[in-house]
Amino acid sequence: MHRIEANIMPKNKPSLKVVEKLGFYNEGIAYKYLKINGKWEDHIHMVLLNDKV
């Protein structure tokens, strides 16, 4: 696998902390990415690349 992506809501600090510990980096923010409970929510786009492939 070359690339793993995680899209996490900015207010979800525990999840952001987990993926950062795993080596993911912030590739940007997706504004109004998903509609959750009738409200459009932004998500932070986190990425982990396998440079050995």
N, C-alpha and C. Protein backbone atom coordinates (compact mmCIF):
# COMPACT_ATOMS: atom_id res chain seq x y z
N MET A 1 0.84 -1.17 0.00
CA MET A 1 0.00 0.00 0.00
C MET A 1 0.89 1.24 0.00
N HIS A 2 0.54 2.18 -0.84
CA HIS A 2 1.35 3.38 -1.00
C HIS A 2 0.84 4.57 -0.19
N ARG A 3 -0.48 4.65 -0.01
CA ARG A 3 -1.05 5.85 0.59
C ARG A 3 -2.27 5.49 1.44
N ILE A 4 -2.29 6.02 2.66
CA ILE A 4 -3.45 5.87 3.53
C ILE A 4 -3.93 7.26 3.88
N GLU A 5 -5.23 7.47 3.80
CA GLU A 5 -5.81 8.78 4.08
C GLU A 5 -6.81 8.70 5.22
N ALA A 6 -6.88 9.76 6.01
CA ALA A 6 -7.87 9.87 7.07
C ALA A 6 -8.43 11.29 7.03
N ASN A 7 -9.74 11.40 7.03
CA ASN A 7 -10.40 12.71 7.07
C ASN A 7 -11.07 12.84 8.42
N ILE A 8 -10.62 13.83 9.19
CA ILE A 8 -11.04 13.96 10.59
C ILE A 8 -11.56 15.37 10.84
N MET A 9 -12.66 15.44 11.57
CA MET A 9 -13.22 16.75 11.92
C MET A 9 -12.24 17.50 12.83
N PRO A 10 -12.03 18.79 12.59
CA PRO A 10 -11.08 19.57 13.39
C PRO A 10 -11.32 19.51 14.89
N LYS A 11 -12.57 19.39 15.32
CA LYS A 11 -12.86 19.35 16.75
C LYS A 11 -12.58 17.99 17.38
N ASN A 12 -12.24 16.99 16.57
CA ASN A 12 -11.96 15.65 17.09
C ASN A 12 -10.46 15.53 17.42
N LYS A 13 -10.05 16.22 18.45
CA LYS A 13 -8.63 16.29 18.85
C LYS A 13 -8.02 14.91 19.17
N PRO A 14 -8.74 14.01 19.86
CA PRO A 14 -8.14 12.70 20.16
C PRO A 14 -7.78 11.91 18.89
N SER A 15 -8.65 11.94 17.88
CA SER A 15 -8.35 11.23 16.63
C SER A 15 -7.17 11.86 15.89
N LEU A 16 -7.11 13.18 15.89
CA LEU A 16 -5.99 13.86 15.25
C LEU A 16 -4.68 13.48 15.93
N LYS A 17 -4.70 13.40 17.25
CA LYS A 17 -3.51 13.04 18.02
C LYS A 17 -3.04 11.62 17.66
N VAL A 18 -3.98 10.70 17.52
CA VAL A 18 -3.64 9.30 17.18
C VAL A 18 -2.95 9.22 15.83
N VAL A 19 -3.55 9.83 14.80
CA VAL A 19 -2.94 9.71 13.47
C VAL A 19 -1.61 10.45 13.39
N GLU A 20 -1.46 11.56 14.13
CA GLU A 20 -0.17 12.25 14.15
C GLU A 20 0.90 11.38 14.79
N LYS A 21 0.56 10.66 15.85
CA LYS A 21 1.51 9.73 16.48
C LYS A 21 1.92 8.62 15.53
N LEU A 22 1.02 8.25 14.62
CA LEU A 22 1.30 7.19 13.65
C LEU A 22 2.11 7.70 12.45
N GLY A 23 2.34 9.00 12.39
CA GLY A 23 3.16 9.56 11.32
C GLY A 23 2.40 10.23 10.20
N PHE A 24 1.08 10.35 10.32
CA PHE A 24 0.29 11.05 9.30
C PHE A 24 0.64 12.53 9.33
N TYR A 25 0.51 13.19 8.20
CA TYR A 25 0.71 14.64 8.16
C TYR A 25 -0.50 15.31 7.54
N ASN A 26 -0.67 16.56 7.85
CA ASN A 26 -1.81 17.35 7.39
C ASN A 26 -1.59 17.78 5.94
N GLU A 27 -2.49 17.34 5.08
CA GLU A 27 -2.39 17.70 3.67
C GLU A 27 -3.36 18.84 3.30
N GLY A 28 -4.14 19.27 4.26
CA GLY A 28 -5.04 20.40 4.01
C GLY A 28 -6.40 20.17 4.64
N ILE A 29 -7.28 21.13 4.41
CA ILE A 29 -8.63 21.03 4.98
C ILE A 29 -9.65 20.97 3.85
N ALA A 30 -10.62 20.09 4.02
CA ALA A 30 -11.71 19.97 3.06
C ALA A 30 -12.92 20.67 3.69
N TYR A 31 -13.25 21.85 3.18
CA TYR A 31 -14.36 22.60 3.72
C TYR A 31 -15.69 21.98 3.30
N LYS A 32 -16.61 21.90 4.26
CA LYS A 32 -17.94 21.33 4.01
C LYS A 32 -17.83 19.97 3.33
N TYR A 33 -17.02 19.09 3.90
CA TYR A 33 -16.70 17.79 3.32
C TYR A 33 -17.85 16.79 3.41
N LEU A 34 -18.49 16.71 4.58
CA LEU A 34 -19.60 15.77 4.77
C LEU A 34 -20.75 16.45 5.48
N LYS A 35 -21.96 16.02 5.14
CA LYS A 35 -23.14 16.52 5.84
C LYS A 35 -23.45 15.55 6.98
N ILE A 36 -23.32 16.03 8.21
CA ILE A 36 -23.52 15.21 9.40
C ILE A 36 -24.63 15.85 10.23
N ASN A 37 -25.67 15.07 10.49
CA ASN A 37 -26.83 15.57 11.24
C ASN A 37 -27.38 16.88 10.67
N GLY A 38 -27.43 16.95 9.34
CA GLY A 38 -28.01 18.11 8.67
C GLY A 38 -27.10 19.32 8.56
N LYS A 39 -25.83 19.19 8.98
CA LYS A 39 -24.89 20.32 8.93
C LYS A 39 -23.63 19.92 8.17
N TRP A 40 -23.18 20.77 7.26
CA TRP A 40 -21.94 20.51 6.54
C TRP A 40 -20.75 20.72 7.47
N GLU A 41 -19.89 19.73 7.56
CA GLU A 41 -18.74 19.76 8.47
C GLU A 41 -17.42 19.75 7.69
N ASP A 42 -16.47 20.57 8.14
CA ASP A 42 -15.12 20.58 7.58
C ASP A 42 -14.36 19.36 8.10
N HIS A 43 -13.37 18.91 7.35
CA HIS A 43 -12.51 17.81 7.78
C HIS A 43 -11.07 18.12 7.43
N ILE A 44 -10.16 17.70 8.30
CA ILE A 44 -8.73 17.82 8.04
C ILE A 44 -8.29 16.55 7.31
N HIS A 45 -7.60 16.74 6.20
CA HIS A 45 -7.15 15.62 5.36
C HIS A 45 -5.75 15.21 5.81
N MET A 46 -5.66 14.05 6.46
CA MET A 46 -4.39 13.54 6.97
C MET A 46 -3.93 12.39 6.08
N VAL A 47 -2.60 12.31 5.84
CA VAL A 47 -2.07 11.34 4.89
C VAL A 47 -0.81 10.67 5.46
N LEU A 48 -0.69 9.37 5.16
CA LEU A 48 0.52 8.62 5.48
C LEU A 48 0.98 7.96 4.19
N LEU A 49 2.21 8.25 3.79
CA LEU A 49 2.76 7.69 2.56
C LEU A 49 3.80 6.63 2.87
N ASN A 50 3.83 5.59 2.05
CA ASN A 50 4.85 4.56 2.14
C ASN A 50 5.88 4.84 1.03
N ASP A 51 6.97 5.45 1.37
CA ASP A 51 7.98 5.82 0.38
C ASP A 51 8.82 4.63 -0.10
N LYS A 52 8.62 3.46 0.51
CA LYS A 52 9.41 2.28 0.13
C LYS A 52 8.82 1.55 -1.07
N VAL A 53 7.62 1.95 -1.50
CA VAL A 53 6.97 1.28 -2.63
C VAL A 53 7.31 2.00 -3.91
